[in-house]
Amino acid sequence: MSDSVKSDSPVRVLVAKPGLDGHDRGAKVVARGLRDAGFEVIYTGLHQTPEMVVAAALQEDVDIIGLSILSGAHLPLVKAVQDRLKHEKLEKPLFVGGIIPPDDAKTLMSQGVAAVFGPGSSIQEIAERIHKIVGPR
């Protein structure tokens, strides 16, 4: 594939809801907003296991994975997804959204999460950060 063709293709974003959290309004708003901003978005739906998230990322050949977590289990869920990505030898950046305490956000970032978005983050802010993370295509 030539560089000019690749650069015209939209950034592919997987938005996933890992764990038992049943609140998906924020994830759906982000998914729709990113789609409207020109991204190709794959939304996995509720109650995804880390294995399901990584399998979807592989199948859909995404550029970045977004995890929406409101259950309070963000630290173990992110670690489980990261472990599964390593197991599959899949190097994809992760961003996380939800109600995440500042100390936990710092921990996630120190563990390799590319960005953490809390309540009030704008779609524009999220889109711009994703473009920075993914880089030129």
N, C-alpha and C. Protein backbone atom coordinates (compact mmCIF):
# COMPACT_ATOMS: atom_id res chain seq x y z
N MET A 1 0.85 -1.17 0.00
CA MET A 1 0.00 0.00 0.00
C MET A 1 0.90 1.23 0.00
N SER A 2 0.63 2.17 -0.87
CA SER A 2 1.46 3.37 -0.94
C SER A 2 1.17 4.29 0.22
N ASP A 3 2.14 5.18 0.52
CA ASP A 3 1.97 6.11 1.62
C ASP A 3 0.77 7.03 1.39
N SER A 4 0.54 7.43 0.14
CA SER A 4 -0.56 8.36 -0.12
C SER A 4 -1.91 7.70 0.14
N VAL A 5 -2.03 6.41 -0.17
CA VAL A 5 -3.28 5.73 0.09
C VAL A 5 -3.46 5.56 1.60
N LYS A 6 -2.39 5.15 2.29
CA LYS A 6 -2.49 4.93 3.72
C LYS A 6 -2.82 6.22 4.46
N SER A 7 -2.24 7.34 4.04
CA SER A 7 -2.48 8.59 4.75
C SER A 7 -3.91 9.08 4.59
N ASP A 8 -4.61 8.61 3.57
CA ASP A 8 -6.00 9.01 3.36
C ASP A 8 -6.97 8.17 4.19
N SER A 9 -6.52 7.07 4.71
CA SER A 9 -7.42 6.22 5.47
C SER A 9 -7.60 6.78 6.88
N PRO A 10 -8.82 6.66 7.41
CA PRO A 10 -9.07 7.21 8.76
C PRO A 10 -8.37 6.39 9.83
N VAL A 11 -8.09 7.02 10.94
CA VAL A 11 -7.56 6.33 12.11
C VAL A 11 -8.64 5.39 12.62
N ARG A 12 -8.25 4.14 12.87
CA ARG A 12 -9.21 3.13 13.35
C ARG A 12 -9.08 3.02 14.86
N VAL A 13 -10.20 3.27 15.56
CA VAL A 13 -10.24 3.29 17.02
C VAL A 13 -11.19 2.21 17.51
N LEU A 14 -10.71 1.39 18.43
CA LEU A 14 -11.58 0.44 19.11
C LEU A 14 -11.98 1.05 20.44
N VAL A 15 -13.28 1.16 20.69
CA VAL A 15 -13.79 1.63 21.97
C VAL A 15 -14.42 0.43 22.65
N ALA A 16 -13.89 0.08 23.83
CA ALA A 16 -14.33 -1.13 24.52
C ALA A 16 -14.74 -0.84 25.95
N LYS A 17 -15.67 -1.64 26.45
CA LYS A 17 -16.15 -1.56 27.83
C LYS A 17 -15.77 -2.87 28.53
N PRO A 18 -14.55 -2.94 29.07
CA PRO A 18 -14.16 -4.17 29.75
C PRO A 18 -14.78 -4.28 31.14
N GLY A 19 -14.95 -5.49 31.58
CA GLY A 19 -15.44 -5.73 32.93
C GLY A 19 -16.95 -5.73 33.04
N LEU A 20 -17.42 -5.61 34.25
CA LEU A 20 -18.85 -5.75 34.53
C LEU A 20 -19.60 -4.43 34.54
N ASP A 21 -18.92 -3.35 34.27
CA ASP A 21 -19.54 -2.02 34.24
C ASP A 21 -20.65 -1.99 33.19
N GLY A 22 -21.83 -1.58 33.59
CA GLY A 22 -22.97 -1.54 32.68
C GLY A 22 -23.32 -0.15 32.19
N HIS A 23 -22.49 0.83 32.48
CA HIS A 23 -22.78 2.21 32.08
C HIS A 23 -22.01 2.54 30.81
N ASP A 24 -22.73 2.64 29.71
CA ASP A 24 -22.04 2.82 28.42
C ASP A 24 -22.37 4.13 27.71
N ARG A 25 -23.10 5.02 28.35
CA ARG A 25 -23.47 6.27 27.68
C ARG A 25 -22.23 7.05 27.26
N GLY A 26 -21.25 7.20 28.16
CA GLY A 26 -20.03 7.95 27.84
C GLY A 26 -19.27 7.31 26.69
N ALA A 27 -19.15 5.99 26.70
CA ALA A 27 -18.44 5.30 25.63
C ALA A 27 -19.15 5.52 24.29
N LYS A 28 -20.47 5.48 24.31
CA LYS A 28 -21.22 5.70 23.08
C LYS A 28 -21.08 7.14 22.59
N VAL A 29 -21.06 8.10 23.51
CA VAL A 29 -20.87 9.50 23.12
C VAL A 29 -19.49 9.69 22.50
N VAL A 30 -18.47 9.11 23.13
CA VAL A 30 -17.11 9.22 22.58
C VAL A 30 -17.03 8.53 21.23
N ALA A 31 -17.58 7.33 21.12
CA ALA A 31 -17.53 6.61 19.85
C ALA A 31 -18.22 7.41 18.74
N ARG A 32 -19.38 7.94 19.03
CA ARG A 32 -20.12 8.73 18.02
C ARG A 32 -19.36 10.01 17.69
N GLY A 33 -18.83 10.68 18.70
CA GLY A 33 -18.09 11.91 18.48
C GLY A 33 -16.84 11.70 17.65
N LEU A 34 -16.12 10.62 17.93
CA LEU A 34 -14.92 10.33 17.14
C LEU A 34 -15.30 9.97 15.71
N ARG A 35 -16.38 9.23 15.55
CA ARG A 35 -16.86 8.91 14.19
C ARG A 35 -17.18 10.19 13.43
N ASP A 36 -17.88 11.10 14.10
CA ASP A 36 -18.24 12.37 13.46
C ASP A 36 -17.02 13.23 13.17
N ALA A 37 -15.93 13.00 13.91
CA ALA A 37 -14.68 13.74 13.70
C ALA A 37 -13.80 13.09 12.63
N GLY A 38 -14.30 12.02 12.00
CA GLY A 38 -13.57 11.41 10.89
C GLY A 38 -12.82 10.13 11.20
N PHE A 39 -12.95 9.64 12.42
CA PHE A 39 -12.30 8.38 12.78
C PHE A 39 -13.19 7.22 12.35
N GLU A 40 -12.58 6.07 12.13
CA GLU A 40 -13.36 4.85 11.94
C GLU A 40 -13.41 4.18 13.31
N VAL A 41 -14.59 4.03 13.86
CA VAL A 41 -14.74 3.57 15.23
C VAL A 41 -15.43 2.21 15.27
N ILE A 42 -14.86 1.32 16.04
CA ILE A 42 -15.46 0.02 16.31
C ILE A 42 -15.82 0.02 17.79
N TYR A 43 -17.10 -0.14 18.12
CA TYR A 43 -17.54 -0.18 19.51
C TYR A 43 -17.91 -1.61 19.85
N THR A 44 -17.31 -2.16 20.90
CA THR A 44 -17.49 -3.58 21.22
C THR A 44 -18.73 -3.88 22.03
N GLY A 45 -19.30 -2.88 22.68
CA GLY A 45 -20.44 -3.15 23.56
C GLY A 45 -19.98 -3.45 24.97
N LEU A 46 -20.94 -3.79 25.81
CA LEU A 46 -20.70 -3.99 27.24
C LEU A 46 -20.08 -5.35 27.56
N HIS A 47 -19.50 -5.41 28.76
CA HIS A 47 -19.07 -6.65 29.40
C HIS A 47 -18.02 -7.44 28.61
N GLN A 48 -17.03 -6.75 28.11
CA GLN A 48 -15.98 -7.40 27.34
C GLN A 48 -14.87 -7.88 28.28
N THR A 49 -14.36 -9.06 28.03
CA THR A 49 -13.18 -9.54 28.76
C THR A 49 -11.94 -8.94 28.09
N PRO A 50 -10.82 -8.90 28.79
CA PRO A 50 -9.58 -8.44 28.13
C PRO A 50 -9.27 -9.25 26.87
N GLU A 51 -9.54 -10.55 26.90
CA GLU A 51 -9.31 -11.38 25.72
C GLU A 51 -10.19 -10.95 24.55
N MET A 52 -11.43 -10.62 24.85
CA MET A 52 -12.35 -10.17 23.80
C MET A 52 -11.90 -8.83 23.22
N VAL A 53 -11.42 -7.93 24.07
CA VAL A 53 -10.96 -6.62 23.61
C VAL A 53 -9.78 -6.79 22.66
N VAL A 54 -8.82 -7.60 23.05
CA VAL A 54 -7.62 -7.78 22.22
C VAL A 54 -7.97 -8.55 20.95
N ALA A 55 -8.85 -9.52 21.03
CA ALA A 55 -9.28 -10.24 19.82
C ALA A 55 -9.94 -9.29 18.84
N ALA A 56 -10.77 -8.38 19.33
CA ALA A 56 -11.41 -7.39 18.45
C ALA A 56 -10.37 -6.46 17.84
N ALA A 57 -9.38 -6.04 18.63
CA ALA A 57 -8.32 -5.17 18.12
C ALA A 57 -7.55 -5.86 17.00
N LEU A 58 -7.27 -7.14 17.18
CA LEU A 58 -6.58 -7.91 16.14
C LEU A 58 -7.44 -8.04 14.90
N GLN A 59 -8.68 -8.46 15.09
CA GLN A 59 -9.58 -8.69 13.96
C GLN A 59 -9.84 -7.42 13.16
N GLU A 60 -9.99 -6.31 13.86
CA GLU A 60 -10.34 -5.05 13.20
C GLU A 60 -9.13 -4.24 12.75
N ASP A 61 -7.92 -4.69 13.10
CA ASP A 61 -6.68 -4.01 12.72
C ASP A 61 -6.73 -2.53 13.07
N VAL A 62 -7.02 -2.25 14.36
CA VAL A 62 -7.16 -0.87 14.80
C VAL A 62 -5.79 -0.24 15.05
N ASP A 63 -5.80 1.09 15.10
CA ASP A 63 -4.58 1.85 15.37
C ASP A 63 -4.41 2.14 16.86
N ILE A 64 -5.52 2.17 17.59
CA ILE A 64 -5.50 2.53 19.01
C ILE A 64 -6.72 1.93 19.68
N ILE A 65 -6.58 1.64 20.98
CA ILE A 65 -7.66 1.04 21.76
C ILE A 65 -8.05 1.98 22.88
N GLY A 66 -9.34 2.26 22.99
CA GLY A 66 -9.87 3.07 24.08
C GLY A 66 -10.69 2.20 25.01
N LEU A 67 -10.39 2.28 26.29
CA LEU A 67 -11.14 1.53 27.29
C LEU A 67 -11.96 2.49 28.13
N SER A 68 -13.25 2.26 28.22
CA SER A 68 -14.15 3.06 29.05
C SER A 68 -14.47 2.25 30.29
N ILE A 69 -14.03 2.77 31.46
CA ILE A 69 -14.19 2.00 32.69
C ILE A 69 -14.73 2.92 33.79
N LEU A 70 -15.92 2.60 34.26
CA LEU A 70 -16.53 3.36 35.34
C LEU A 70 -16.71 2.53 36.61
N SER A 71 -16.28 1.29 36.58
CA SER A 71 -16.52 0.37 37.68
C SER A 71 -15.55 0.55 38.84
N GLY A 72 -14.49 1.30 38.64
CA GLY A 72 -13.45 1.41 39.67
C GLY A 72 -12.37 0.36 39.52
N ALA A 73 -12.53 -0.54 38.57
CA ALA A 73 -11.57 -1.62 38.36
C ALA A 73 -10.57 -1.29 37.24
N HIS A 74 -10.31 0.00 37.03
CA HIS A 74 -9.46 0.40 35.91
C HIS A 74 -8.04 -0.14 36.02
N LEU A 75 -7.44 -0.18 37.20
CA LEU A 75 -6.06 -0.66 37.31
C LEU A 75 -5.93 -2.14 36.91
N PRO A 76 -6.71 -3.06 37.50
CA PRO A 76 -6.55 -4.45 37.08
C PRO A 76 -7.03 -4.72 35.65
N LEU A 77 -8.08 -4.02 35.20
CA LEU A 77 -8.56 -4.26 33.84
C LEU A 77 -7.55 -3.79 32.79
N VAL A 78 -6.97 -2.62 33.01
CA VAL A 78 -5.96 -2.12 32.06
C VAL A 78 -4.76 -3.07 32.05
N LYS A 79 -4.32 -3.50 33.21
CA LYS A 79 -3.19 -4.44 33.28
C LYS A 79 -3.52 -5.72 32.54
N ALA A 80 -4.71 -6.23 32.70
CA ALA A 80 -5.11 -7.47 32.02
C ALA A 80 -5.11 -7.28 30.50
N VAL A 81 -5.59 -6.13 30.03
CA VAL A 81 -5.58 -5.86 28.58
C VAL A 81 -4.14 -5.74 28.10
N GLN A 82 -3.30 -5.01 28.84
CA GLN A 82 -1.91 -4.87 28.46
C GLN A 82 -1.20 -6.23 28.42
N ASP A 83 -1.46 -7.08 29.41
CA ASP A 83 -0.86 -8.41 29.43
C ASP A 83 -1.30 -9.22 28.22
N ARG A 84 -2.57 -9.12 27.87
CA ARG A 84 -3.08 -9.86 26.71
C ARG A 84 -2.47 -9.33 25.41
N LEU A 85 -2.32 -8.01 25.32
CA LEU A 85 -1.67 -7.42 24.13
C LEU A 85 -0.25 -7.96 24.00
N LYS A 86 0.49 -8.02 25.11
CA LYS A 86 1.86 -8.56 25.07
C LYS A 86 1.85 -10.02 24.65
N HIS A 87 0.91 -10.78 25.21
CA HIS A 87 0.79 -12.20 24.87
C HIS A 87 0.58 -12.40 23.36
N GLU A 88 -0.22 -11.52 22.77
CA GLU A 88 -0.51 -11.61 21.33
C GLU A 88 0.53 -10.89 20.48
N LYS A 89 1.56 -10.30 21.16
CA LYS A 89 2.60 -9.53 20.46
C LYS A 89 1.99 -8.41 19.62
N LEU A 90 1.00 -7.75 20.19
CA LEU A 90 0.28 -6.68 19.53
C LEU A 90 0.62 -5.36 20.22
N GLU A 91 1.29 -4.49 19.51
CA GLU A 91 1.69 -3.20 20.07
C GLU A 91 0.71 -2.13 19.60
N LYS A 92 -0.28 -1.89 20.43
CA LYS A 92 -1.28 -0.86 20.15
C LYS A 92 -1.38 0.05 21.36
N PRO A 93 -1.39 1.36 21.15
CA PRO A 93 -1.54 2.26 22.30
C PRO A 93 -2.94 2.16 22.89
N LEU A 94 -3.00 2.42 24.20
CA LEU A 94 -4.26 2.42 24.92
C LEU A 94 -4.55 3.81 25.45
N PHE A 95 -5.82 4.19 25.41
CA PHE A 95 -6.27 5.34 26.19
C PHE A 95 -7.44 4.88 27.03
N VAL A 96 -7.62 5.54 28.16
CA VAL A 96 -8.64 5.13 29.12
C VAL A 96 -9.51 6.32 29.47
N GLY A 97 -10.81 6.07 29.55
CA GLY A 97 -11.74 7.10 29.97
C GLY A 97 -12.59 6.59 31.11
N GLY A 98 -12.99 7.51 31.96
CA GLY A 98 -13.85 7.14 33.08
C GLY A 98 -13.59 8.06 34.26
N ILE A 99 -14.13 7.68 35.39
CA ILE A 99 -13.90 8.44 36.61
C ILE A 99 -12.70 7.80 37.29
N ILE A 100 -11.54 8.39 37.04
CA ILE A 100 -10.28 7.81 37.49
C ILE A 100 -9.58 8.82 38.38
N PRO A 101 -9.34 8.46 39.64
CA PRO A 101 -8.65 9.38 40.54
C PRO A 101 -7.28 9.80 39.97
N PRO A 102 -6.86 11.02 40.26
CA PRO A 102 -5.58 11.52 39.72
C PRO A 102 -4.39 10.60 40.00
N ASP A 103 -4.30 10.02 41.21
CA ASP A 103 -3.18 9.13 41.50
C ASP A 103 -3.23 7.88 40.62
N ASP A 104 -4.43 7.36 40.37
CA ASP A 104 -4.56 6.19 39.50
C ASP A 104 -4.24 6.56 38.05
N ALA A 105 -4.61 7.77 37.64
CA ALA A 105 -4.27 8.22 36.28
C ALA A 105 -2.76 8.26 36.11
N LYS A 106 -2.06 8.76 37.12
CA LYS A 106 -0.58 8.79 37.07
C LYS A 106 -0.03 7.37 36.99
N THR A 107 -0.60 6.47 37.77
CA THR A 107 -0.16 5.08 37.74
C THR A 107 -0.36 4.48 36.34
N LEU A 108 -1.54 4.70 35.78
CA LEU A 108 -1.83 4.17 34.44
C LEU A 108 -0.84 4.72 33.41
N MET A 109 -0.57 6.01 33.49
CA MET A 109 0.36 6.62 32.54
C MET A 109 1.77 6.05 32.73
N SER A 110 2.17 5.82 33.97
CA SER A 110 3.50 5.25 34.22
C SER A 110 3.60 3.81 33.75
N GLN A 111 2.45 3.15 33.61
CA GLN A 111 2.41 1.76 33.14
C GLN A 111 2.22 1.66 31.63
N GLY A 112 2.28 2.81 30.94
CA GLY A 112 2.25 2.77 29.49
C GLY A 112 0.96 3.19 28.82
N VAL A 113 -0.04 3.59 29.58
CA VAL A 113 -1.27 4.10 28.97
C VAL A 113 -0.94 5.45 28.32
N ALA A 114 -1.40 5.65 27.10
CA ALA A 114 -1.03 6.85 26.34
C ALA A 114 -1.78 8.09 26.79
N ALA A 115 -3.02 7.93 27.28
CA ALA A 115 -3.81 9.09 27.72
C ALA A 115 -4.92 8.61 28.63
N VAL A 116 -5.31 9.48 29.56
CA VAL A 116 -6.44 9.21 30.45
C VAL A 116 -7.37 10.42 30.36
N PHE A 117 -8.64 10.14 30.10
CA PHE A 117 -9.65 11.18 29.97
C PHE A 117 -10.71 11.01 31.04
N GLY A 118 -11.02 12.09 31.72
CA GLY A 118 -12.04 12.05 32.75
C GLY A 118 -13.30 12.76 32.29
N PRO A 119 -14.27 12.86 33.19
CA PRO A 119 -15.51 13.57 32.87
C PRO A 119 -15.19 15.00 32.43
N GLY A 120 -15.90 15.46 31.44
CA GLY A 120 -15.70 16.82 30.94
C GLY A 120 -14.70 16.91 29.81
N SER A 121 -14.01 15.82 29.50
CA SER A 121 -13.09 15.84 28.35
C SER A 121 -13.91 16.03 27.08
N SER A 122 -13.47 16.94 26.25
CA SER A 122 -14.22 17.19 25.01
C SER A 122 -13.81 16.20 23.92
N ILE A 123 -14.71 15.99 23.00
CA ILE A 123 -14.40 15.13 21.86
C ILE A 123 -13.21 15.70 21.10
N GLN A 124 -13.16 17.01 20.96
CA GLN A 124 -12.03 17.65 20.26
C GLN A 124 -10.72 17.32 20.97
N GLU A 125 -10.70 17.42 22.28
CA GLU A 125 -9.50 17.11 23.06
C GLU A 125 -9.09 15.65 22.85
N ILE A 126 -10.05 14.75 22.91
CA ILE A 126 -9.77 13.32 22.73
C ILE A 126 -9.26 13.06 21.32
N ALA A 127 -9.92 13.65 20.32
CA ALA A 127 -9.52 13.45 18.93
C ALA A 127 -8.09 13.97 18.68
N GLU A 128 -7.80 15.15 19.19
CA GLU A 128 -6.47 15.72 18.99
C GLU A 128 -5.40 14.86 19.65
N ARG A 129 -5.70 14.37 20.84
CA ARG A 129 -4.72 13.52 21.54
C ARG A 129 -4.51 12.21 20.80
N ILE A 130 -5.58 11.61 20.28
CA ILE A 130 -5.44 10.37 19.51
C ILE A 130 -4.56 10.61 18.29
N HIS A 131 -4.79 11.72 17.59
CA HIS A 131 -3.95 12.01 16.42
C HIS A 131 -2.48 12.13 16.81
N LYS A 132 -2.20 12.75 17.96
CA LYS A 132 -0.81 12.87 18.44
C LYS A 132 -0.24 11.49 18.78
N ILE A 133 -1.04 10.66 19.40
CA ILE A 133 -0.56 9.33 19.81
C ILE A 133 -0.28 8.46 18.60
N VAL A 134 -1.23 8.43 17.66
CA VAL A 134 -1.10 7.56 16.49
C VAL A 134 -0.05 8.10 15.53
N GLY A 135 0.04 9.42 15.44
CA GLY A 135 1.04 10.03 14.56
C GLY A 135 0.59 10.03 13.11
N PRO A 136 1.48 10.51 12.23
CA PRO A 136 1.13 10.58 10.81
C PRO A 136 0.88 9.18 10.24
N ARG A 137 -0.06 9.13 9.35
CA ARG A 137 -0.42 7.85 8.74
C ARG A 137 0.02 7.84 7.33
